[in-house]
Amino acid sequence: KPLTAFFTAAILLCTANTHAAVLPARIFSDHMVLQRALPVPIWGKAD
């Protein structure tokens, strides 16, 4: 039951992110490095 609940929550979280009103492009994710000393573009999709 705990494992089932965990995976259900994970699926719901992924579904929520997929349909979120705002999403950065996939290149932007945890652990990324941004370039220093230059203007840095951040882009994506939203409503």
All heavy atoms as atom14 arrays in JSON, in Angstrom:
{
  "sequence": "KPLTAFFTAAILLCTANTHAAVLPARIFSDHMVLQRALPVPIWGKAD",
  "atom14_mask": [
    [1, 1, 1, 1, 1, 1, 1, 1, 1, 0, 0, 0, 0, 0],
    [1, 1, 1, 1, 1, 1, 1, 0, 0, 0, 0, 0, 0, 0],
    [1, 1, 1, 1, 1, 1, 1, 1, 0, 0, 0, 0, 0, 0],
    [1, 1, 1, 1, 1, 1, 1, 0, 0, 0, 0, 0, 0, 0],
    [1, 1, 1, 1, 1, 0, 0, 0, 0, 0, 0, 0, 0, 0],
    [1, 1, 1, 1, 1, 1, 1, 1, 1, 1, 1, 0, 0, 0],
    [1, 1, 1, 1, 1, 1, 1, 1, 1, 1, 1, 0, 0, 0],
    [1, 1, 1, 1, 1, 1, 1, 0, 0, 0, 0, 0, 0, 0],
    [1, 1, 1, 1, 1, 0, 0, 0, 0, 0, 0, 0, 0, 0],
    [1, 1, 1, 1, 1, 0, 0, 0, 0, 0, 0, 0, 0, 0],
    [1, 1, 1, 1, 1, 1, 1, 1, 0, 0, 0, 0, 0, 0],
    [1, 1, 1, 1, 1, 1, 1, 1, 0, 0, 0, 0, 0, 0],
    [1, 1, 1, 1, 1, 1, 1, 1, 0, 0, 0, 0, 0, 0],
    [1, 1, 1, 1, 1, 1, 0, 0, 0, 0, 0, 0, 0, 0],
    [1, 1, 1, 1, 1, 1, 1, 0, 0, 0, 0, 0, 0, 0],
    [1, 1, 1, 1, 1, 0, 0, 0, 0, 0, 0, 0, 0, 0],
    [1, 1, 1, 1, 1, 1, 1, 1, 0, 0, 0, 0, 0, 0],
    [1, 1, 1, 1, 1, 1, 1, 0, 0, 0, 0, 0, 0, 0],
    [1, 1, 1, 1, 1, 1, 1, 1, 1, 1, 0, 0, 0, 0],
    [1, 1, 1, 1, 1, 0, 0, 0, 0, 0, 0, 0, 0, 0],
    [1, 1, 1, 1, 1, 0, 0, 0, 0, 0, 0, 0, 0, 0],
    [1, 1, 1, 1, 1, 1, 1, 0, 0, 0, 0, 0, 0, 0],
    [1, 1, 1, 1, 1, 1, 1, 1, 0, 0, 0, 0, 0, 0],
    [1, 1, 1, 1, 1, 1, 1, 0, 0, 0, 0, 0, 0, 0],
    [1, 1, 1, 1, 1, 0, 0, 0, 0, 0, 0, 0, 0, 0],
    [1, 1, 1, 1, 1, 1, 1, 1, 1, 1, 1, 0, 0, 0],
    [1, 1, 1, 1, 1, 1, 1, 1, 0, 0, 0, 0, 0, 0],
    [1, 1, 1, 1, 1, 1, 1, 1, 1, 1, 1, 0, 0, 0],
    [1, 1, 1, 1, 1, 1, 0, 0, 0, 0, 0, 0, 0, 0],
    [1, 1, 1, 1, 1, 1, 1, 1, 0, 0, 0, 0, 0, 0],
    [1, 1, 1, 1, 1, 1, 1, 1, 1, 1, 0, 0, 0, 0],
    [1, 1, 1, 1, 1, 1, 1, 1, 0, 0, 0, 0, 0, 0],
    [1, 1, 1, 1, 1, 1, 1, 0, 0, 0, 0, 0, 0, 0],
    [1, 1, 1, 1, 1, 1, 1, 1, 0, 0, 0, 0, 0, 0],
    [1, 1, 1, 1, 1, 1, 1, 1, 1, 0, 0, 0, 0, 0],
    [1, 1, 1, 1, 1, 1, 1, 1, 1, 1, 1, 0, 0, 0],
    [1, 1, 1, 1, 1, 0, 0, 0, 0, 0, 0, 0, 0, 0],
    [1, 1, 1, 1, 1, 1, 1, 1, 0, 0, 0, 0, 0, 0],
    [1, 1, 1, 1, 1, 1, 1, 0, 0, 0, 0, 0, 0, 0],
    [1, 1, 1, 1, 1, 1, 1, 0, 0, 0, 0, 0, 0, 0],
    [1, 1, 1, 1, 1, 1, 1, 0, 0, 0, 0, 0, 0, 0],
    [1, 1, 1, 1, 1, 1, 1, 1, 0, 0, 0, 0, 0, 0],
    [1, 1, 1, 1, 1, 1, 1, 1, 1, 1, 1, 1, 1, 1],
    [1, 1, 1, 1, 0, 0, 0, 0, 0, 0, 0, 0, 0, 0],
    [1, 1, 1, 1, 1, 1, 1, 1, 1, 0, 0, 0, 0, 0],
    [1, 1, 1, 1, 1, 0, 0, 0, 0, 0, 0, 0, 0, 0],
    [1, 1, 1, 1, 1, 1, 1, 1, 0, 0, 0, 0, 0, 0]
  ],
  "atom14_positions": [
    [[0.8, -1.22, 0.0], [0.0, 0.0, 0.0], [0.84, 1.27, 0.0], [0.56, 2.19, -0.78], [-0.95, -0.01, 1.19], [-2.06, -1.05, 1.04], [-3.03, -0.98, 2.2], [-4.17, -2.01, 2.02], [-5.12, -1.94, 3.15], [0.0, 0.0, 0.0], [0.0, 0.0, 0.0], [0.0, 0.0, 0.0], [0.0, 0.0, 0.0], [0.0, 0.0, 0.0]],
    [[1.88, 1.4, 0.86], [2.73, 2.61, 0.8], [3.37, 2.81, -0.55], [3.45, 3.92, -1.06], [3.77, 2.35, 1.9], [3.09, 1.43, 2.86], [2.24, 0.54, 2.01], [0.0, 0.0, 0.0], [0.0, 0.0, 0.0], [0.0, 0.0, 0.0], [0.0, 0.0, 0.0], [0.0, 0.0, 0.0], [0.0, 0.0, 0.0], [0.0, 0.0, 0.0]],
    [[3.86, 1.72, -1.17], [4.49, 1.85, -2.48], [3.48, 2.29, -3.53], [3.76, 3.14, -4.37], [5.13, 0.53, -2.9], [6.47, 0.19, -2.23], [6.91, -1.21, -2.63], [7.53, 1.2, -2.66], [0.0, 0.0, 0.0], [0.0, 0.0, 0.0], [0.0, 0.0, 0.0], [0.0, 0.0, 0.0], [0.0, 0.0, 0.0], [0.0, 0.0, 0.0]],
    [[2.28, 1.71, -3.45], [1.24, 2.11, -4.39], [0.9, 3.58, -4.25], [0.76, 4.31, -5.23], [-0.02, 1.26, -4.17], [0.31, -0.11, -4.32], [-1.12, 1.64, -5.16], [0.0, 0.0, 0.0], [0.0, 0.0, 0.0], [0.0, 0.0, 0.0], [0.0, 0.0, 0.0], [0.0, 0.0, 0.0], [0.0, 0.0, 0.0], [0.0, 0.0, 0.0]],
    [[0.8, 4.02, -2.99], [0.5, 5.43, -2.75], [1.6, 6.33, -3.26], [1.34, 7.4, -3.84], [0.31, 5.66, -1.25], [0.0, 0.0, 0.0], [0.0, 0.0, 0.0], [0.0, 0.0, 0.0], [0.0, 0.0, 0.0], [0.0, 0.0, 0.0], [0.0, 0.0, 0.0], [0.0, 0.0, 0.0], [0.0, 0.0, 0.0], [0.0, 0.0, 0.0]],
    [[2.85, 5.87, -3.09], [4.0, 6.68, -3.56], [3.96, 6.86, -5.07], [4.08, 7.95, -5.6], [5.3, 5.99, -3.14], [6.52, 6.62, -3.76], [7.06, 7.78, -3.25], [7.1, 6.05, -4.89], [8.17, 8.36, -3.83], [8.21, 6.62, -5.48], [8.74, 7.78, -4.94], [0.0, 0.0, 0.0], [0.0, 0.0, 0.0], [0.0, 0.0, 0.0]],
    [[3.77, 5.74, -5.8], [3.77, 5.82, -7.26], [2.56, 6.59, -7.77], [2.64, 7.31, -8.76], [3.81, 4.42, -7.88], [5.15, 3.77, -7.77], [5.35, 2.6, -7.06], [6.26, 4.35, -8.39], [6.6, 2.03, -6.96], [7.52, 3.77, -8.3], [7.68, 2.61, -7.59], [0.0, 0.0, 0.0], [0.0, 0.0, 0.0], [0.0, 0.0, 0.0]],
    [[1.43, 6.47, -7.09], [0.25, 7.24, -7.47], [0.52, 8.73, -7.34], [0.19, 9.53, -8.23], [-0.96, 6.85, -6.61], [-1.22, 5.46, -6.79], [-2.19, 7.66, -7.02], [0.0, 0.0, 0.0], [0.0, 0.0, 0.0], [0.0, 0.0, 0.0], [0.0, 0.0, 0.0], [0.0, 0.0, 0.0], [0.0, 0.0, 0.0], [0.0, 0.0, 0.0]],
    [[1.15, 9.12, -6.22], [1.49, 10.53, -6.01], [2.46, 11.03, -7.06], [2.34, 12.15, -7.57], [2.08, 10.72, -4.61], [0.0, 0.0, 0.0], [0.0, 0.0, 0.0], [0.0, 0.0, 0.0], [0.0, 0.0, 0.0], [0.0, 0.0, 0.0], [0.0, 0.0, 0.0], [0.0, 0.0, 0.0], [0.0, 0.0, 0.0], [0.0, 0.0, 0.0]],
    [[3.45, 10.18, -7.42], [4.44, 10.58, -8.42], [3.78, 10.79, -9.78], [4.08, 11.75, -10.49], [5.53, 9.5, -8.53], [0.0, 0.0, 0.0], [0.0, 0.0, 0.0], [0.0, 0.0, 0.0], [0.0, 0.0, 0.0], [0.0, 0.0, 0.0], [0.0, 0.0, 0.0], [0.0, 0.0, 0.0], [0.0, 0.0, 0.0], [0.0, 0.0, 0.0]],
    [[2.84, 9.89, -10.12], [2.15, 10.03, -11.41], [1.32, 11.3, -11.42], [1.29, 12.04, -12.41], [1.28, 8.79, -11.67], [2.16, 7.56, -11.91], [0.35, 9.02, -12.88], [1.4, 6.26, -11.93], [0.0, 0.0, 0.0], [0.0, 0.0, 0.0], [0.0, 0.0, 0.0], [0.0, 0.0, 0.0], [0.0, 0.0, 0.0], [0.0, 0.0, 0.0]],
    [[0.63, 11.56, -10.32], [-0.19, 12.78, -10.24], [0.67, 14.03, -10.36], [0.3, 15.01, -11.02], [-0.96, 12.81, -8.92], [-2.13, 11.8, -8.82], [-2.71, 11.82, -7.41], [-3.21, 12.13, -9.85], [0.0, 0.0, 0.0], [0.0, 0.0, 0.0], [0.0, 0.0, 0.0], [0.0, 0.0, 0.0], [0.0, 0.0, 0.0], [0.0, 0.0, 0.0]],
    [[1.87, 14.0, -9.74], [2.77, 15.16, -9.81], [3.24, 15.38, -11.24], [3.24, 16.51, -11.74], [3.98, 14.93, -8.89], [5.04, 16.04, -8.88], [4.42, 17.36, -8.41], [6.21, 15.65, -8.0], [0.0, 0.0, 0.0], [0.0, 0.0, 0.0], [0.0, 0.0, 0.0], [0.0, 0.0, 0.0], [0.0, 0.0, 0.0], [0.0, 0.0, 0.0]],
    [[3.64, 14.29, -11.92], [4.07, 14.43, -13.31], [2.95, 14.94, -14.2], [3.15, 15.79, -15.06], [4.56, 13.07, -13.85], [6.1, 12.52, -13.07], [0.0, 0.0, 0.0], [0.0, 0.0, 0.0], [0.0, 0.0, 0.0], [0.0, 0.0, 0.0], [0.0, 0.0, 0.0], [0.0, 0.0, 0.0], [0.0, 0.0, 0.0], [0.0, 0.0, 0.0]],
    [[1.72, 14.42, -13.94], [0.57, 14.87, -14.73], [0.3, 16.34, -14.5], [0.04, 17.11, -15.43], [-0.67, 14.04, -14.36], [-0.39, 12.67, -14.57], [-1.86, 14.47, -15.22], [0.0, 0.0, 0.0], [0.0, 0.0, 0.0], [0.0, 0.0, 0.0], [0.0, 0.0, 0.0], [0.0, 0.0, 0.0], [0.0, 0.0, 0.0], [0.0, 0.0, 0.0]],
    [[0.42, 16.77, -13.23], [0.19, 18.18, -12.91], [1.2, 19.07, -13.61], [0.86, 20.13, -14.15], [0.26, 18.38, -11.4], [0.0, 0.0, 0.0], [0.0, 0.0, 0.0], [0.0, 0.0, 0.0], [0.0, 0.0, 0.0], [0.0, 0.0, 0.0], [0.0, 0.0, 0.0], [0.0, 0.0, 0.0], [0.0, 0.0, 0.0], [0.0, 0.0, 0.0]],
    [[2.49, 18.63, -13.62], [3.52, 19.43, -14.28], [3.29, 19.5, -15.78], [3.5, 20.53, -16.42], [4.9, 18.84, -13.99], [5.39, 19.22, -12.6], [4.9, 20.18, -12.02], [6.33, 18.44, -12.07], [0.0, 0.0, 0.0], [0.0, 0.0, 0.0], [0.0, 0.0, 0.0], [0.0, 0.0, 0.0], [0.0, 0.0, 0.0], [0.0, 0.0, 0.0]],
    [[2.84, 18.37, -16.37], [2.61, 18.33, -17.81], [1.54, 19.34, -18.22], [1.62, 19.96, -19.28], [2.21, 16.91, -18.24], [3.24, 16.01, -17.87], [1.99, 16.85, -19.74], [0.0, 0.0, 0.0], [0.0, 0.0, 0.0], [0.0, 0.0, 0.0], [0.0, 0.0, 0.0], [0.0, 0.0, 0.0], [0.0, 0.0, 0.0], [0.0, 0.0, 0.0]],
    [[0.53, 19.5, -17.33], [-0.57, 20.39, -17.66], [-0.49, 21.71, -16.9], [-1.47, 22.45, -16.8], [-1.91, 19.69, -17.35], [-2.15, 18.49, -18.22], [-1.75, 17.23, -17.86], [-2.73, 18.37, -19.45], [-2.1, 16.37, -18.8], [-2.7, 17.03, -19.79], [0.0, 0.0, 0.0], [0.0, 0.0, 0.0], [0.0, 0.0, 0.0], [0.0, 0.0, 0.0]],
    [[0.68, 22.0, -16.32], [0.84, 23.26, -15.6], [0.69, 24.43, -16.55], [0.93, 24.33, -17.75], [2.22, 23.3, -14.93], [0.0, 0.0, 0.0], [0.0, 0.0, 0.0], [0.0, 0.0, 0.0], [0.0, 0.0, 0.0], [0.0, 0.0, 0.0], [0.0, 0.0, 0.0], [0.0, 0.0, 0.0], [0.0, 0.0, 0.0], [0.0, 0.0, 0.0]],
    [[0.29, 25.58, -15.99], [0.09, 26.78, -16.79], [1.4, 27.37, -17.27], [1.42, 28.22, -18.15], [-0.69, 27.81, -15.99], [0.0, 0.0, 0.0], [0.0, 0.0, 0.0], [0.0, 0.0, 0.0], [0.0, 0.0, 0.0], [0.0, 0.0, 0.0], [0.0, 0.0, 0.0], [0.0, 0.0, 0.0], [0.0, 0.0, 0.0], [0.0, 0.0, 0.0]],
    [[2.5, 26.93, -16.69], [3.8, 27.44, -17.09], [4.83, 26.3, -17.03], [4.83, 25.52, -16.08], [4.25, 28.62, -16.2], [4.41, 28.21, -14.74], [5.55, 29.23, -16.71], [0.0, 0.0, 0.0], [0.0, 0.0, 0.0], [0.0, 0.0, 0.0], [0.0, 0.0, 0.0], [0.0, 0.0, 0.0], [0.0, 0.0, 0.0], [0.0, 0.0, 0.0]],
    [[5.65, 26.2, -18.07], [6.7, 25.19, -18.11], [7.94, 25.77, -18.76], [7.86, 26.31, -19.87], [6.26, 23.96, -18.91], [5.37, 22.93, -18.23], [4.91, 21.89, -19.24], [6.1, 22.25, -17.08], [0.0, 0.0, 0.0], [0.0, 0.0, 0.0], [0.0, 0.0, 0.0], [0.0, 0.0, 0.0], [0.0, 0.0, 0.0], [0.0, 0.0, 0.0]],
    [[9.1, 25.68, -18.11], [10.34, 26.07, -18.78], [10.72, 25.01, -19.81], [10.27, 23.86, -19.73], [11.35, 26.13, -17.65], [10.84, 25.15, -16.64], [9.34, 25.21, -16.74], [0.0, 0.0, 0.0], [0.0, 0.0, 0.0], [0.0, 0.0, 0.0], [0.0, 0.0, 0.0], [0.0, 0.0, 0.0], [0.0, 0.0, 0.0], [0.0, 0.0, 0.0]],
    [[11.53, 25.37, -20.79], [12.03, 24.4, -21.76], [12.76, 23.27, -21.05], [13.34, 23.46, -19.96], [12.95, 25.09, -22.76], [0.0, 0.0, 0.0], [0.0, 0.0, 0.0], [0.0, 0.0, 0.0], [0.0, 0.0, 0.0], [0.0, 0.0, 0.0], [0.0, 0.0, 0.0], [0.0, 0.0, 0.0], [0.0, 0.0, 0.0], [0.0, 0.0, 0.0]],
    [[12.78, 22.09, -21.67], [13.3, 20.89, -21.01], [14.8, 20.97, -20.72], [15.31, 20.27, -19.84], [13.01, 19.68, -21.9], [13.35, 18.32, -21.29], [12.5, 18.01, -20.08], [12.97, 16.82, -19.4], [12.42, 15.61, -19.55], [11.41, 15.43, -20.38], [12.89, 14.57, -18.89], [0.0, 0.0, 0.0], [0.0, 0.0, 0.0], [0.0, 0.0, 0.0]],
    [[15.53, 21.84, -21.41], [16.96, 21.97, -21.14], [17.21, 22.53, -19.75], [18.28, 22.33, -19.17], [17.65, 22.86, -22.22], [19.17, 22.82, -22.08], [17.15, 24.29, -22.16], [19.8, 21.47, -22.32], [0.0, 0.0, 0.0], [0.0, 0.0, 0.0], [0.0, 0.0, 0.0], [0.0, 0.0, 0.0], [0.0, 0.0, 0.0], [0.0, 0.0, 0.0]],
    [[16.21, 23.2, -19.17], [16.34, 23.74, -17.82], [15.82, 22.71, -16.82], [14.63, 22.41, -16.8], [15.55, 25.04, -17.69], [15.96, 26.1, -18.67], [15.2, 26.36, -19.8], [17.12, 26.84, -18.48], [15.57, 27.33, -20.72], [17.51, 27.81, -19.39], [16.74, 28.05, -20.51], [0.0, 0.0, 0.0], [0.0, 0.0, 0.0], [0.0, 0.0, 0.0]],
    [[16.72, 22.17, -16.01], [16.32, 21.16, -15.03], [17.28, 21.18, -13.85], [18.31, 21.87, -13.87], [16.28, 19.78, -15.68], [17.57, 19.36, -16.07], [0.0, 0.0, 0.0], [0.0, 0.0, 0.0], [0.0, 0.0, 0.0], [0.0, 0.0, 0.0], [0.0, 0.0, 0.0], [0.0, 0.0, 0.0], [0.0, 0.0, 0.0], [0.0, 0.0, 0.0]],
    [[16.93, 20.43, -12.83], [17.78, 20.34, -11.64], [19.23, 20.04, -12.02], [19.49, 19.27, -12.96], [17.28, 19.23, -10.72], [15.92, 19.52, -10.1], [15.42, 20.65, -10.24], [15.34, 18.6, -9.49], [0.0, 0.0, 0.0], [0.0, 0.0, 0.0], [0.0, 0.0, 0.0], [0.0, 0.0, 0.0], [0.0, 0.0, 0.0], [0.0, 0.0, 0.0]],
    [[20.15, 20.63, -11.29], [21.6, 20.4, -11.41], [22.24, 21.08, -12.62], [23.41, 20.84, -12.92], [21.93, 18.89, -11.45], [21.22, 18.08, -10.43], [21.32, 18.35, -9.08], [20.37, 17.01, -10.55], [20.58, 17.48, -8.4], [19.99, 16.68, -9.27], [0.0, 0.0, 0.0], [0.0, 0.0, 0.0], [0.0, 0.0, 0.0], [0.0, 0.0, 0.0]],
    [[21.5, 21.94, -13.31], [22.07, 22.58, -14.49], [23.12, 23.63, -14.11], [23.2, 24.09, -12.97], [20.98, 23.25, -15.33], [20.31, 24.43, -14.67], [18.99, 25.07, -15.75], [18.31, 26.36, -14.69], [0.0, 0.0, 0.0], [0.0, 0.0, 0.0], [0.0, 0.0, 0.0], [0.0, 0.0, 0.0], [0.0, 0.0, 0.0], [0.0, 0.0, 0.0]],
    [[23.93, 23.99, -15.1], [24.9, 25.08, -14.96], [24.46, 26.19, -15.9], [24.2, 25.95, -17.08], [26.33, 24.64, -15.31], [27.31, 25.81, -15.17], [26.76, 23.47, -14.43], [0.0, 0.0, 0.0], [0.0, 0.0, 0.0], [0.0, 0.0, 0.0], [0.0, 0.0, 0.0], [0.0, 0.0, 0.0], [0.0, 0.0, 0.0], [0.0, 0.0, 0.0]],
    [[24.36, 27.41, -15.37], [24.09, 28.59, -16.19], [25.4, 29.31, -16.48], [26.31, 29.32, -15.64], [23.12, 29.53, -15.47], [21.72, 28.98, -15.21], [20.88, 30.02, -14.47], [21.03, 28.57, -16.5], [0.0, 0.0, 0.0], [0.0, 0.0, 0.0], [0.0, 0.0, 0.0], [0.0, 0.0, 0.0], [0.0, 0.0, 0.0], [0.0, 0.0, 0.0]],
    [[25.48, 29.91, -17.65], [26.7, 30.58, -18.08], [26.9, 31.89, -17.32], [25.99, 32.71, -17.21], [26.63, 30.87, -19.58], [27.82, 31.64, -20.13], [29.14, 30.9, -19.95], [29.24, 29.72, -20.24], [30.15, 31.6, -19.47], [0.0, 0.0, 0.0], [0.0, 0.0, 0.0], [0.0, 0.0, 0.0], [0.0, 0.0, 0.0], [0.0, 0.0, 0.0]],
    [[28.11, 32.08, -16.81], [28.43, 33.32, -16.12], [28.78, 34.43, -17.12], [29.15, 34.17, -18.27], [29.62, 33.12, -15.18], [30.92, 32.8, -15.89], [32.11, 32.83, -14.96], [33.32, 32.37, -15.65], [34.55, 32.44, -15.12], [34.72, 32.94, -13.91], [35.59, 32.0, -15.8], [0.0, 0.0, 0.0], [0.0, 0.0, 0.0], [0.0, 0.0, 0.0]],
    [[28.66, 35.67, -16.67], [29.18, 36.85, -17.37], [28.58, 37.09, -18.75], [29.14, 37.84, -19.53], [30.71, 36.77, -17.46], [0.0, 0.0, 0.0], [0.0, 0.0, 0.0], [0.0, 0.0, 0.0], [0.0, 0.0, 0.0], [0.0, 0.0, 0.0], [0.0, 0.0, 0.0], [0.0, 0.0, 0.0], [0.0, 0.0, 0.0], [0.0, 0.0, 0.0]],
    [[27.46, 36.44, -19.05], [26.72, 36.7, -20.29], [25.24, 36.79, -19.96], [24.78, 36.18, -18.99], [26.93, 35.56, -21.3], [28.29, 35.43, -21.98], [28.31, 34.16, -22.83], [28.61, 36.64, -22.83], [0.0, 0.0, 0.0], [0.0, 0.0, 0.0], [0.0, 0.0, 0.0], [0.0, 0.0, 0.0], [0.0, 0.0, 0.0], [0.0, 0.0, 0.0]],
    [[24.45, 37.54, -20.74], [23.0, 37.48, -20.55], [22.5, 36.05, -20.69], [22.96, 35.31, -21.57], [22.47, 38.38, -21.67], [23.61, 39.29, -22.02], [24.85, 38.47, -21.82], [0.0, 0.0, 0.0], [0.0, 0.0, 0.0], [0.0, 0.0, 0.0], [0.0, 0.0, 0.0], [0.0, 0.0, 0.0], [0.0, 0.0, 0.0], [0.0, 0.0, 0.0]],
    [[21.58, 35.64, -19.83], [21.12, 34.24, -19.79], [19.64, 34.18, -20.16], [18.79, 34.67, -19.42], [21.34, 33.63, -18.4], [20.74, 32.23, -18.32], [22.83, 33.6, -18.07], [0.0, 0.0, 0.0], [0.0, 0.0, 0.0], [0.0, 0.0, 0.0], [0.0, 0.0, 0.0], [0.0, 0.0, 0.0], [0.0, 0.0, 0.0], [0.0, 0.0, 0.0]],
    [[19.31, 33.58, -21.31], [17.9, 33.43, -21.67], [17.25, 32.26, -20.95], [17.84, 31.19, -20.82], [17.95, 33.2, -23.19], [19.26, 32.5, -23.39], [20.2, 33.05, -22.35], [0.0, 0.0, 0.0], [0.0, 0.0, 0.0], [0.0, 0.0, 0.0], [0.0, 0.0, 0.0], [0.0, 0.0, 0.0], [0.0, 0.0, 0.0], [0.0, 0.0, 0.0]],
    [[16.03, 32.46, -20.48], [15.19, 31.4, -19.93], [13.89, 31.46, -20.71], [13.3, 32.53, -20.85], [14.91, 31.59, -18.42], [16.22, 31.85, -17.64], [14.16, 30.4, -17.86], [17.13, 30.66, -17.53], [0.0, 0.0, 0.0], [0.0, 0.0, 0.0], [0.0, 0.0, 0.0], [0.0, 0.0, 0.0], [0.0, 0.0, 0.0], [0.0, 0.0, 0.0]],
    [[13.43, 30.32, -21.21], [12.23, 30.35, -22.04], [11.38, 29.1, -21.81], [11.82, 28.15, -21.16], [12.59, 30.48, -23.52], [13.26, 29.28, -24.13], [12.65, 28.24, -24.78], [14.68, 28.99, -24.15], [13.59, 27.33, -25.21], [14.84, 27.76, -24.84], [15.82, 29.64, -23.66], [16.08, 27.17, -25.04], [17.05, 29.06, -23.85], [17.18, 27.84, -24.53]],
    [[10.17, 29.12, -22.36], [9.3, 27.97, -22.22], [7.91, 28.25, -22.76], [7.72, 29.08, -23.64], [0.0, 0.0, 0.0], [0.0, 0.0, 0.0], [0.0, 0.0, 0.0], [0.0, 0.0, 0.0], [0.0, 0.0, 0.0], [0.0, 0.0, 0.0], [0.0, 0.0, 0.0], [0.0, 0.0, 0.0], [0.0, 0.0, 0.0], [0.0, 0.0, 0.0]],
    [[6.92, 27.51, -22.2], [5.53, 27.64, -22.62], [4.66, 27.99, -21.41], [4.98, 27.63, -20.27], [5.02, 26.33, -23.24], [5.69, 25.93, -24.54], [5.35, 26.86, -25.69], [3.91, 26.8, -26.15], [3.54, 25.52, -26.82], [0.0, 0.0, 0.0], [0.0, 0.0, 0.0], [0.0, 0.0, 0.0], [0.0, 0.0, 0.0], [0.0, 0.0, 0.0]],
    [[3.56, 28.67, -21.69], [2.57, 29.02, -20.67], [1.24, 29.24, -21.37], [1.15, 29.22, -22.6], [3.0, 30.27, -19.9], [0.0, 0.0, 0.0], [0.0, 0.0, 0.0], [0.0, 0.0, 0.0], [0.0, 0.0, 0.0], [0.0, 0.0, 0.0], [0.0, 0.0, 0.0], [0.0, 0.0, 0.0], [0.0, 0.0, 0.0], [0.0, 0.0, 0.0]],
    [[0.21, 29.44, -20.6], [-1.07, 29.8, -21.2], [-0.92, 31.13, -21.91], [-0.28, 32.06, -21.39], [-2.15, 29.9, -20.13], [-2.51, 28.53, -19.55], [-2.21, 27.52, -20.21], [-3.08, 28.49, -18.44], [0.0, 0.0, 0.0], [0.0, 0.0, 0.0], [0.0, 0.0, 0.0], [0.0, 0.0, 0.0], [0.0, 0.0, 0.0], [0.0, 0.0, 0.0]]
  ]
}
